[in-house]
Amino acid sequence: MHVTWQGVYPALTTKFNQDDTLDLPAFSLNLRAQLAAGVDGIILGGSLGEASTLSVEEKETLVKHAVEEVDGKVPVILNIAEGATRDAIRLAEKAPDLGASGLMLLPPMRYKADERETVAFFKEIALATPLPIMIYNNPVDYKIEVTLDMFEELLQLENIQAVKESTRDVSNVTRLRNRFGDRIQILCGVDTLAVEELLMGADGWVAGLVCAFPRETVAIYRLIKAGKLHEARTIFRWFLPLLELDLHPKLVQYIKLAETGCEIGTEHVRKPRLPLVGDERERILEIINQGLATRPELPDYLSL
């Protein structure tokens, strides 16, 4: 399926049963809510999807299940976050047979590669697959920045097409656009900066709190693209305390708790993560419950 790299792409959480196995019914429940809300694609096995704890077999199961569930409605993007280049290549080679429409690539994990090594890592994976690729640029969390000069080299490969822009520097959208024009699609990767980056020309939004609040997320995106900025700002102002949950090391636990409050998920996480307890859980629940109690009425955004 063709990937446009435009619109809202949820970085879906991975659902688990109490016995630590994949909970595919719960995954399907959430996925159907995303599709009904009008998302433009889905991303599996990202940081929010607890990628580092998933086996290759589990990733394959998730992709196959998601492809069957979406039934051609939206592209399914598989995240690759392997530590070794050869393992990343193997997964990239398998991805088309699994039904994935594209890939999101993290830089080398567990080793802080320099610029030459990082570019080589991305290029070797890209050369091993016909699938279109989005580079995940998140130097805050992963300590490796993909600079403009590195993108200059990477974009020589036609299937490297997009960036998940998570530098937390809004002006980087303009730097990328000034340097590369429309050669690269830009998707905001930080929930709290989505409005600003979309207004500055980002093409899409790789979202986190969309896992719990899909309709509100898609509504903001479509209202901005339709020029209805007042309506978008109103929803975003309500949403911001919830979106800030995406900026914490425990974003998985926080967002899964929000999914539970919205009745489209469970709290189960994979160790070493543990479910929230005590004062921390009560504090996050207060934010979630306040959001639910004041949830705004949305316009008919799907017709925009």
C-alpha atoms as a PDB file:
ATOM      1  CA  MET A   1       0.000   0.000   0.000  1.00  0.00           C
ATOM      2  CA  HIS A   2       1.316   3.471  -0.913  1.00  0.00           C
ATOM      3  CA  VAL A   3       2.572   5.584   1.998  1.00  0.00           C
ATOM      4  CA  THR A   4       2.084   9.349   1.689  1.00  0.00           C
ATOM      5  CA  TRP A   5       3.682  10.222   5.057  1.00  0.00           C
ATOM      6  CA  GLN A   6       0.889  12.713   5.681  1.00  0.00           C
ATOM      7  CA  GLY A   7      -1.688  12.895   8.450  1.00  0.00           C
ATOM      8  CA  VAL A   8      -1.851  11.245  11.856  1.00  0.00           C
ATOM      9  CA  TYR A   9       0.172   8.078  12.470  1.00  0.00           C
ATOM     10  CA  PRO A  10      -0.396   6.587  15.943  1.00  0.00           C
ATOM     11  CA  ALA A  11       2.636   4.980  17.548  1.00  0.00           C
ATOM     12  CA  LEU A  12       0.504   2.188  18.934  1.00  0.00           C
ATOM     13  CA  THR A  13       1.051   0.609  22.324  1.00  0.00           C
ATOM     14  CA  THR A  14       1.529  -3.150  22.443  1.00  0.00           C
ATOM     15  CA  LYS A  15      -1.158  -4.898  24.466  1.00  0.00           C
ATOM     16  CA  PHE A  16      -0.246  -7.698  26.858  1.00  0.00           C
ATOM     17  CA  ASN A  17      -2.200 -10.209  28.912  1.00  0.00           C
ATOM     18  CA  GLN A  18      -1.483 -10.699  32.602  1.00  0.00           C
ATOM     19  CA  ASP A  19       0.657 -13.707  31.682  1.00  0.00           C
ATOM     20  CA  ASP A  20       2.877 -11.444  29.503  1.00  0.00           C
ATOM     21  CA  THR A  21       1.634 -12.811  26.164  1.00  0.00           C
ATOM     22  CA  LEU A  22       0.350 -10.579  23.376  1.00  0.00           C
ATOM     23  CA  ASP A  23      -3.265  -9.498  23.913  1.00  0.00           C
ATOM     24  CA  LEU A  24      -4.455  -9.346  20.317  1.00  0.00           C
ATOM     25  CA  PRO A  25      -8.155  -8.745  21.135  1.00  0.00           C
ATOM     26  CA  ALA A  26      -7.230  -5.651  23.171  1.00  0.00           C
ATOM     27  CA  PHE A  27      -4.890  -4.535  20.382  1.00  0.00           C
ATOM     28  CA  SER A  28      -7.733  -4.902  17.862  1.00  0.00           C
ATOM     29  CA  LEU A  29     -10.117  -2.915  20.081  1.00  0.00           C
ATOM     30  CA  ASN A  30      -7.732   0.020  20.134  1.00  0.00           C
ATOM     31  CA  LEU A  31      -6.858  -0.286  16.454  1.00  0.00           C
ATOM     32  CA  ARG A  32     -10.531  -0.142  15.467  1.00  0.00           C
ATOM     33  CA  ALA A  33     -10.928   3.042  17.515  1.00  0.00           C
ATOM     34  CA  GLN A  34      -7.994   4.565  15.617  1.00  0.00           C
ATOM     35  CA  LEU A  35      -9.455   3.644  12.248  1.00  0.00           C
ATOM     36  CA  ALA A  36     -12.887   4.969  13.189  1.00  0.00           C
ATOM     37  CA  ALA A  37     -11.285   8.265  14.235  1.00  0.00           C
ATOM     38  CA  GLY A  38      -9.715   8.675  10.802  1.00  0.00           C
ATOM     39  CA  VAL A  39      -5.993   8.061  11.331  1.00  0.00           C
ATOM     40  CA  ASP A  40      -3.853   7.929   8.200  1.00  0.00           C
ATOM     41  CA  GLY A  41      -1.510   5.064   9.115  1.00  0.00           C
ATOM     42  CA  ILE A  42      -0.271   3.099  12.119  1.00  0.00           C
ATOM     43  CA  ILE A  43       3.200   2.423  13.509  1.00  0.00           C
ATOM     44  CA  LEU A  44       4.000  -0.808  15.314  1.00  0.00           C
ATOM     45  CA  GLY A  45       6.851  -1.637  17.651  1.00  0.00           C
ATOM     46  CA  GLY A  46       7.989   1.900  18.421  1.00  0.00           C
ATOM     47  CA  SER A  47       9.267   3.145  21.759  1.00  0.00           C
ATOM     48  CA  LEU A  48       5.695   3.494  22.945  1.00  0.00           C
ATOM     49  CA  GLY A  49       5.106  -0.038  21.668  1.00  0.00           C
ATOM     50  CA  GLU A  50       7.828  -1.331  24.035  1.00  0.00           C
ATOM     51  CA  ALA A  51      10.018  -2.282  21.076  1.00  0.00           C
ATOM     52  CA  SER A  52      13.039  -3.210  23.158  1.00  0.00           C
ATOM     53  CA  THR A  53      11.090  -5.960  24.931  1.00  0.00           C
ATOM     54  CA  LEU A  54       9.477  -7.560  21.873  1.00  0.00           C
ATOM     55  CA  SER A  55      10.862 -10.633  20.175  1.00  0.00           C
ATOM     56  CA  VAL A  56      11.133 -10.786  16.399  1.00  0.00           C
ATOM     57  CA  GLU A  57       8.331 -13.382  16.425  1.00  0.00           C
ATOM     58  CA  GLU A  58       6.066 -11.045  18.383  1.00  0.00           C
ATOM     59  CA  LYS A  59       6.771  -8.188  15.971  1.00  0.00           C
ATOM     60  CA  GLU A  60       5.887 -10.456  13.065  1.00  0.00           C
ATOM     61  CA  THR A  61       2.650 -11.482  14.782  1.00  0.00           C
ATOM     62  CA  LEU A  62       1.689  -7.865  15.409  1.00  0.00           C
ATOM     63  CA  VAL A  63       2.330  -6.835  11.814  1.00  0.00           C
ATOM     64  CA  LYS A  64       0.389  -9.746  10.333  1.00  0.00           C
ATOM     65  CA  HIS A  65      -2.517  -9.166  12.712  1.00  0.00           C
ATOM     66  CA  ALA A  66      -2.599  -5.427  12.060  1.00  0.00           C
ATOM     67  CA  VAL A  67      -2.450  -5.853   8.284  1.00  0.00           C
ATOM     68  CA  GLU A  68      -5.408  -8.214   8.444  1.00  0.00           C
ATOM     69  CA  GLU A  69      -7.307  -5.878  10.763  1.00  0.00           C
ATOM     70  CA  VAL A  70      -6.818  -2.686   8.744  1.00  0.00           C
ATOM     71  CA  ASP A  71      -7.705  -4.529   5.523  1.00  0.00           C
ATOM     72  CA  GLY A  72      -6.060  -1.993   3.243  1.00  0.00           C
ATOM     73  CA  LYS A  73      -7.581   1.085   4.890  1.00  0.00           C
ATOM     74  CA  VAL A  74      -4.261   2.582   6.013  1.00  0.00           C
ATOM     75  CA  PRO A  75      -0.575   1.658   5.706  1.00  0.00           C
ATOM     76  CA  VAL A  76       1.074  -0.366   8.456  1.00  0.00           C
ATOM     77  CA  ILE A  77       4.546   0.887   9.368  1.00  0.00           C
ATOM     78  CA  LEU A  78       6.991  -1.360  11.220  1.00  0.00           C
ATOM     79  CA  ASN A  79       9.549   0.244  13.489  1.00  0.00           C
ATOM     80  CA  ILE A  80      13.077  -1.171  13.423  1.00  0.00           C
ATOM     81  CA  ALA A  81      15.134  -0.581  16.553  1.00  0.00           C
ATOM     82  CA  GLU A  82      17.596  -3.445  16.508  1.00  0.00           C
ATOM     83  CA  GLY A  83      21.018  -3.110  18.063  1.00  0.00           C
ATOM     84  CA  ALA A  84      22.971  -4.846  15.286  1.00  0.00           C
ATOM     85  CA  THR A  85      22.886  -3.811  11.639  1.00  0.00           C
ATOM     86  CA  ARG A  86      22.529  -7.432  10.476  1.00  0.00           C
ATOM     87  CA  ASP A  87      19.457  -7.938  12.711  1.00  0.00           C
ATOM     88  CA  ALA A  88      17.902  -4.724  11.438  1.00  0.00           C
ATOM     89  CA  ILE A  89      18.508  -5.823   7.844  1.00  0.00           C
ATOM     90  CA  ARG A  90      16.914  -9.213   8.462  1.00  0.00           C
ATOM     91  CA  LEU A  91      13.778  -7.595   9.840  1.00  0.00           C
ATOM     92  CA  ALA A  92      13.682  -5.082   6.985  1.00  0.00           C
ATOM     93  CA  GLU A  93      13.947  -7.918   4.476  1.00  0.00           C
ATOM     94  CA  LYS A  94      11.054  -9.759   6.130  1.00  0.00           C
ATOM     95  CA  ALA A  95       8.792  -6.716   6.396  1.00  0.00           C
ATOM     96  CA  PRO A  96       7.279  -6.789   2.867  1.00  0.00           C
ATOM     97  CA  ASP A  97       6.293 -10.447   3.229  1.00  0.00           C
ATOM     98  CA  LEU A  98       4.611  -9.635   6.531  1.00  0.00           C
ATOM     99  CA  GLY A  99       2.498  -7.016   4.776  1.00  0.00           C
ATOM    100  CA  ALA A 100       4.174  -3.863   6.101  1.00  0.00           C
ATOM    101  CA  SER A 101       3.863  -0.827   3.841  1.00  0.00           C
ATOM    102  CA  GLY A 102       6.844   1.062   5.230  1.00  0.00           C
ATOM    103  CA  LEU A 103       9.485   1.244   7.924  1.00  0.00           C
ATOM    104  CA  MET A 104      10.478   3.646  10.671  1.00  0.00           C
ATOM    105  CA  LEU A 105      14.167   3.424  11.589  1.00  0.00           C
ATOM    106  CA  LEU A 106      15.742   4.283  14.907  1.00  0.00           C
ATOM    107  CA  PRO A 107      19.503   4.884  15.053  1.00  0.00           C
ATOM    108  CA  PRO A 108      21.716   2.121  16.468  1.00  0.00           C
ATOM    109  CA  MET A 109      20.566   1.228  19.961  1.00  0.00           C
ATOM    110  CA  ARG A 110      22.848   0.416  22.886  1.00  0.00           C
ATOM    111  CA  TYR A 111      25.777   2.132  21.144  1.00  0.00           C
ATOM    112  CA  LYS A 112      26.223   5.847  20.508  1.00  0.00           C
ATOM    113  CA  ALA A 113      27.293   5.727  16.893  1.00  0.00           C
ATOM    114  CA  ASP A 114      29.076   8.683  15.324  1.00  0.00           C
ATOM    115  CA  GLU A 115      27.775  10.403  12.182  1.00  0.00           C
ATOM    116  CA  ARG A 116      29.564   8.103   9.723  1.00  0.00           C
ATOM    117  CA  GLU A 117      28.361   4.986  11.533  1.00  0.00           C
ATOM    118  CA  THR A 118      24.794   6.245  11.837  1.00  0.00           C
ATOM    119  CA  VAL A 119      24.550   7.087   8.134  1.00  0.00           C
ATOM    120  CA  ALA A 120      26.016   3.694   7.217  1.00  0.00           C
ATOM    121  CA  PHE A 121      23.500   1.963   9.504  1.00  0.00           C
ATOM    122  CA  PHE A 122      20.522   3.675   7.892  1.00  0.00           C
ATOM    123  CA  LYS A 123      21.810   3.255   4.331  1.00  0.00           C
ATOM    124  CA  GLU A 124      22.526  -0.458   4.672  1.00  0.00           C
ATOM    125  CA  ILE A 125      19.000  -1.072   5.932  1.00  0.00           C
ATOM    126  CA  ALA A 126      17.469   1.086   3.194  1.00  0.00           C
ATOM    127  CA  LEU A 127      19.403  -0.776   0.509  1.00  0.00           C
ATOM    128  CA  ALA A 128      18.055  -4.083   1.835  1.00  0.00           C
ATOM    129  CA  THR A 129      14.373  -3.237   1.294  1.00  0.00           C
ATOM    130  CA  PRO A 130      12.096  -1.714  -1.344  1.00  0.00           C
ATOM    131  CA  LEU A 131       9.865  -0.246   1.379  1.00  0.00           C
ATOM    132  CA  PRO A 132       9.682   3.520   1.989  1.00  0.00           C
ATOM    133  CA  ILE A 133      11.428   4.673   5.143  1.00  0.00           C
ATOM    134  CA  MET A 134      10.963   7.323   7.811  1.00  0.00           C
ATOM    135  CA  ILE A 135      14.031   8.198   9.901  1.00  0.00           C
ATOM    136  CA  TYR A 136      13.335   8.768  13.604  1.00  0.00           C
ATOM    137  CA  ASN A 137      15.409  11.774  14.710  1.00  0.00           C
ATOM    138  CA  ASN A 138      15.280  11.971  18.516  1.00  0.00           C
ATOM    139  CA  PRO A 139      18.603  13.129  19.965  1.00  0.00           C
ATOM    140  CA  VAL A 140      16.984  13.959  23.316  1.00  0.00           C
ATOM    141  CA  ASP A 141      16.134  10.339  24.122  1.00  0.00           C
ATOM    142  CA  TYR A 142      18.556   8.414  21.897  1.00  0.00           C
ATOM    143  CA  LYS A 143      21.586  10.751  22.062  1.00  0.00           C
ATOM    144  CA  ILE A 144      22.182  10.591  18.312  1.00  0.00           C
ATOM    145  CA  GLU A 145      21.159  13.514  16.130  1.00  0.00           C
ATOM    146  CA  VAL A 146      20.602  13.131  12.417  1.00  0.00           C
ATOM    147  CA  THR A 147      21.923  16.435  11.151  1.00  0.00           C
ATOM    148  CA  LEU A 148      21.026  18.217   7.927  1.00  0.00           C
ATOM    149  CA  ASP A 149      24.326  17.145   6.400  1.00  0.00           C
ATOM    150  CA  MET A 150      23.551  13.532   7.297  1.00  0.00           C
ATOM    151  CA  PHE A 151      20.127  13.843   5.672  1.00  0.00           C
ATOM    152  CA  GLU A 152      21.826  15.246   2.570  1.00  0.00           C
ATOM    153  CA  GLU A 153      23.597  11.924   2.201  1.00  0.00           C
ATOM    154  CA  LEU A 154      20.666   9.746   3.255  1.00  0.00           C
ATOM    155  CA  LEU A 155      18.249  11.357   0.817  1.00  0.00           C
ATOM    156  CA  GLN A 156      20.362  10.119  -2.073  1.00  0.00           C
ATOM    157  CA  LEU A 157      18.409   6.885  -1.533  1.00  0.00           C
ATOM    158  CA  GLU A 158      14.917   7.207  -2.980  1.00  0.00           C
ATOM    159  CA  ASN A 159      13.187   5.061  -0.357  1.00  0.00           C
ATOM    160  CA  ILE A 160      14.330   7.292   2.506  1.00  0.00           C
ATOM    161  CA  GLN A 161      11.407   9.669   2.318  1.00  0.00           C
ATOM    162  CA  ALA A 162      10.432  11.071   5.713  1.00  0.00           C
ATOM    163  CA  VAL A 163      11.577  12.085   9.168  1.00  0.00           C
ATOM    164  CA  LYS A 164       9.907  11.770  12.529  1.00  0.00           C
ATOM    165  CA  GLU A 165      11.058  15.144  13.818  1.00  0.00           C
ATOM    166  CA  SER A 166      11.641  14.825  17.578  1.00  0.00           C
ATOM    167  CA  THR A 167      14.549  17.180  18.170  1.00  0.00           C
ATOM    168  CA  ARG A 168      12.140  19.393  20.166  1.00  0.00           C
ATOM    169  CA  ASP A 169      13.393  22.356  18.155  1.00  0.00           C
ATOM    170  CA  VAL A 170      10.412  23.653  16.201  1.00  0.00           C
ATOM    171  CA  SER A 171      12.662  25.644  13.891  1.00  0.00           C
ATOM    172  CA  ASN A 172      14.133  22.399  12.584  1.00  0.00           C
ATOM    173  CA  VAL A 173      10.990  22.009  10.471  1.00  0.00           C
ATOM    174  CA  THR A 174      11.948  25.192   8.634  1.00  0.00           C
ATOM    175  CA  ARG A 175      15.604  24.161   8.372  1.00  0.00           C
ATOM    176  CA  LEU A 176      14.592  20.875   6.757  1.00  0.00           C
ATOM    177  CA  ARG A 177      12.160  22.591   4.400  1.00  0.00           C
ATOM    178  CA  ASN A 178      14.675  25.269   3.420  1.00  0.00           C
ATOM    179  CA  ARG A 179      17.356  22.679   2.685  1.00  0.00           C
ATOM    180  CA  PHE A 180      15.349  19.920   1.048  1.00  0.00           C
ATOM    181  CA  GLY A 181      12.020  21.417  -0.042  1.00  0.00           C
ATOM    182  CA  ASP A 182       9.432  18.705  -0.595  1.00  0.00           C
ATOM    183  CA  ARG A 183      12.029  15.962  -1.025  1.00  0.00           C
ATOM    184  CA  ILE A 184      11.426  14.951   2.594  1.00  0.00           C
ATOM    185  CA  GLN A 185       8.140  14.561   4.417  1.00  0.00           C
ATOM    186  CA  ILE A 186       8.205  15.892   7.984  1.00  0.00           C
ATOM    187  CA  LEU A 187       6.105  14.381  10.750  1.00  0.00           C
ATOM    188  CA  CYS A 188       6.097  15.923  14.212  1.00  0.00           C
ATOM    189  CA  GLY A 189       7.135  13.339  16.808  1.00  0.00           C
ATOM    190  CA  VAL A 190       6.518  15.345  19.987  1.00  0.00           C
ATOM    191  CA  ASP A 191       2.866  15.628  21.005  1.00  0.00           C
ATOM    192  CA  THR A 192       3.218  18.969  22.802  1.00  0.00           C
ATOM    193  CA  LEU A 193       4.748  20.636  19.719  1.00  0.00           C
ATOM    194  CA  ALA A 194       2.336  19.318  17.119  1.00  0.00           C
ATOM    195  CA  VAL A 195       0.372  22.513  16.524  1.00  0.00           C
ATOM    196  CA  GLU A 196       3.496  24.631  16.156  1.00  0.00           C
ATOM    197  CA  GLU A 197       5.217  22.201  13.788  1.00  0.00           C
ATOM    198  CA  LEU A 198       2.116  21.665  11.656  1.00  0.00           C
ATOM    199  CA  LEU A 199       1.715  25.430  11.321  1.00  0.00           C
ATOM    200  CA  MET A 200       5.342  25.659  10.192  1.00  0.00           C
ATOM    201  CA  GLY A 201       4.769  23.131   7.445  1.00  0.00           C
ATOM    202  CA  ALA A 202       5.057  19.646   8.904  1.00  0.00           C
ATOM    203  CA  ASP A 203       3.159  17.090   6.841  1.00  0.00           C
ATOM    204  CA  GLY A 204       1.969  14.863   9.659  1.00  0.00           C
ATOM    205  CA  TRP A 205       2.026  13.853  13.292  1.00  0.00           C
ATOM    206  CA  VAL A 206       3.407  10.649  14.793  1.00  0.00           C
ATOM    207  CA  ALA A 207       1.295  10.795  17.926  1.00  0.00           C
ATOM    208  CA  GLY A 208       1.336   9.143  21.345  1.00  0.00           C
ATOM    209  CA  LEU A 209      -1.771  10.251  23.274  1.00  0.00           C
ATOM    210  CA  VAL A 210      -3.725   9.393  20.146  1.00  0.00           C
ATOM    211  CA  CYS A 211      -3.651   5.860  21.574  1.00  0.00           C
ATOM    212  CA  ALA A 212      -6.188   7.013  24.174  1.00  0.00           C
ATOM    213  CA  PHE A 213      -7.740  10.018  22.390  1.00  0.00           C
ATOM    214  CA  PRO A 214      -7.766   9.281  18.657  1.00  0.00           C
ATOM    215  CA  ARG A 215     -10.663  11.535  17.659  1.00  0.00           C
ATOM    216  CA  GLU A 216      -9.241  14.616  19.349  1.00  0.00           C
ATOM    217  CA  THR A 217      -5.824  14.062  17.785  1.00  0.00           C
ATOM    218  CA  VAL A 218      -7.136  13.659  14.250  1.00  0.00           C
ATOM    219  CA  ALA A 219      -9.500  16.599  14.751  1.00  0.00           C
ATOM    220  CA  ILE A 220      -6.620  18.931  15.643  1.00  0.00           C
ATOM    221  CA  TYR A 221      -4.627  17.827  12.599  1.00  0.00           C
ATOM    222  CA  ARG A 222      -7.496  18.216  10.146  1.00  0.00           C
ATOM    223  CA  LEU A 223      -8.656  21.544  11.578  1.00  0.00           C
ATOM    224  CA  ILE A 224      -5.142  22.986  11.224  1.00  0.00           C
ATOM    225  CA  LYS A 225      -4.812  21.755   7.655  1.00  0.00           C
ATOM    226  CA  ALA A 226      -8.242  23.270   6.901  1.00  0.00           C
ATOM    227  CA  GLY A 227      -7.150  26.624   8.317  1.00  0.00           C
ATOM    228  CA  LYS A 228      -9.565  26.441  11.245  1.00  0.00           C
ATOM    229  CA  LEU A 229      -6.963  27.506  13.772  1.00  0.00           C
ATOM    230  CA  HIS A 230      -9.273  28.796  16.501  1.00  0.00           C
ATOM    231  CA  GLU A 231     -11.091  25.464  16.700  1.00  0.00           C
ATOM    232  CA  ALA A 232      -7.794  23.565  16.681  1.00  0.00           C
ATOM    233  CA  ARG A 233      -6.296  25.746  19.423  1.00  0.00           C
ATOM    234  CA  THR A 234      -9.343  25.289  21.617  1.00  0.00           C
ATOM    235  CA  ILE A 235      -9.038  21.495  21.505  1.00  0.00           C
ATOM    236  CA  PHE A 236      -5.254  21.638  21.902  1.00  0.00           C
ATOM    237  CA  ARG A 237      -5.479  23.802  25.030  1.00  0.00           C
ATOM    238  CA  TRP A 238      -7.739  21.207  26.625  1.00  0.00           C
ATOM    239  CA  PHE A 239      -5.421  18.423  25.420  1.00  0.00           C
ATOM    240  CA  LEU A 240      -2.061  19.830  26.575  1.00  0.00           C
ATOM    241  CA  PRO A 241      -1.993  18.442  30.155  1.00  0.00           C
ATOM    242  CA  LEU A 242      -2.636  14.997  28.681  1.00  0.00           C
ATOM    243  CA  LEU A 243      -0.104  15.437  25.880  1.00  0.00           C
ATOM    244  CA  GLU A 244       2.577  16.227  28.452  1.00  0.00           C
ATOM    245  CA  LEU A 245       2.314  12.622  29.634  1.00  0.00           C
ATOM    246  CA  ASP A 246       4.176  11.738  26.423  1.00  0.00           C
ATOM    247  CA  LEU A 247       7.351  13.497  27.622  1.00  0.00           C
ATOM    248  CA  HIS A 248       8.138  11.248  30.593  1.00  0.00           C
ATOM    249  CA  PRO A 249      10.261   8.060  30.743  1.00  0.00           C
ATOM    250  CA  LYS A 250       7.102   6.313  31.947  1.00  0.00           C
ATOM    251  CA  LEU A 251       5.109   7.446  28.919  1.00  0.00           C
ATOM    252  CA  VAL A 252       4.093   3.822  28.261  1.00  0.00           C
ATOM    253  CA  GLN A 253       2.527   3.385  31.693  1.00  0.00           C
ATOM    254  CA  TYR A 254       0.934   6.838  31.564  1.00  0.00           C
ATOM    255  CA  ILE A 255      -0.594   6.383  28.120  1.00  0.00           C
ATOM    256  CA  LYS A 256      -1.766   2.847  28.851  1.00  0.00           C
ATOM    257  CA  LEU A 257      -3.509   4.160  31.968  1.00  0.00           C
ATOM    258  CA  ALA A 258      -5.198   6.777  29.786  1.00  0.00           C
ATOM    259  CA  GLU A 259      -6.254   4.053  27.338  1.00  0.00           C
ATOM    260  CA  THR A 260      -7.837   2.191  30.234  1.00  0.00           C
ATOM    261  CA  GLY A 261      -9.754   5.320  31.264  1.00  0.00           C
ATOM    262  CA  CYS A 262     -11.041   5.618  27.709  1.00  0.00           C
ATOM    263  CA  GLU A 263     -11.944   1.896  27.687  1.00  0.00           C
ATOM    264  CA  ILE A 264      -9.743   1.080  24.690  1.00  0.00           C
ATOM    265  CA  GLY A 265      -6.772  -0.560  26.399  1.00  0.00           C
ATOM    266  CA  THR A 266      -5.265  -2.167  29.467  1.00  0.00           C
ATOM    267  CA  GLU A 267      -2.542  -1.238  31.961  1.00  0.00           C
ATOM    268  CA  HIS A 268      -0.422  -4.354  31.432  1.00  0.00           C
ATOM    269  CA  VAL A 269       3.214  -3.571  30.599  1.00  0.00           C
ATOM    270  CA  ARG A 270       6.227  -5.778  30.081  1.00  0.00           C
ATOM    271  CA  LYS A 271       8.957  -5.895  32.707  1.00  0.00           C
ATOM    272  CA  PRO A 272      11.173  -4.166  33.634  1.00  0.00           C
ATOM    273  CA  ARG A 273       8.323  -1.648  33.380  1.00  0.00           C
ATOM    274  CA  LEU A 274       5.780  -2.017  36.168  1.00  0.00           C
ATOM    275  CA  PRO A 275       2.230  -0.663  36.446  1.00  0.00           C
ATOM    276  CA  LEU A 276       1.847   2.614  38.294  1.00  0.00           C
ATOM    277  CA  VAL A 277       1.124   2.524  42.025  1.00  0.00           C
ATOM    278  CA  GLY A 278       0.577   4.875  44.941  1.00  0.00           C
ATOM    279  CA  ASP A 279       0.805   8.655  44.710  1.00  0.00           C
ATOM    280  CA  GLU A 280       2.210   8.577  41.182  1.00  0.00           C
ATOM    281  CA  ARG A 281      -0.747   6.599  39.888  1.00  0.00           C
ATOM    282  CA  GLU A 282      -3.197   8.907  41.647  1.00  0.00           C
ATOM    283  CA  ARG A 283      -1.479  11.985  40.204  1.00  0.00           C
ATOM    284  CA  ILE A 284      -1.646  10.661  36.633  1.00  0.00           C
ATOM    285  CA  LEU A 285      -5.220   9.480  37.130  1.00  0.00           C
ATOM    286  CA  GLU A 286      -6.183  12.977  38.246  1.00  0.00           C
ATOM    287  CA  ILE A 287      -4.859  14.420  34.978  1.00  0.00           C
ATOM    288  CA  ILE A 288      -6.647  11.757  32.940  1.00  0.00           C
ATOM    289  CA  ASN A 289      -9.942  12.071  34.820  1.00  0.00           C
ATOM    290  CA  GLN A 290      -9.863  15.859  34.558  1.00  0.00           C
ATOM    291  CA  GLY A 291      -9.406  15.503  30.811  1.00  0.00           C
ATOM    292  CA  LEU A 292     -12.253  13.026  30.532  1.00  0.00           C
ATOM    293  CA  ALA A 293     -14.555  15.232  32.615  1.00  0.00           C
ATOM    294  CA  THR A 294     -13.934  18.260  30.389  1.00  0.00           C
ATOM    295  CA  ARG A 295     -13.605  16.460  27.053  1.00  0.00           C
ATOM    296  CA  PRO A 296     -14.652  18.932  24.336  1.00  0.00           C
ATOM    297  CA  GLU A 297     -17.368  18.403  21.799  1.00  0.00           C
ATOM    298  CA  LEU A 298     -15.720  18.000  18.420  1.00  0.00           C
ATOM    299  CA  PRO A 299     -16.821  19.455  15.096  1.00  0.00           C
ATOM    300  CA  ASP A 300     -17.461  17.215  12.105  1.00  0.00           C
ATOM    301  CA  TYR A 301     -13.739  17.059  11.353  1.00  0.00           C
ATOM    302  CA  LEU A 302     -13.968  13.977   9.141  1.00  0.00           C
ATOM    303  CA  SER A 303     -15.776  16.011   6.488  1.00  0.00           C
ATOM    304  CA  LEU A 304     -13.034  18.653   6.255  1.00  0.00           C
END
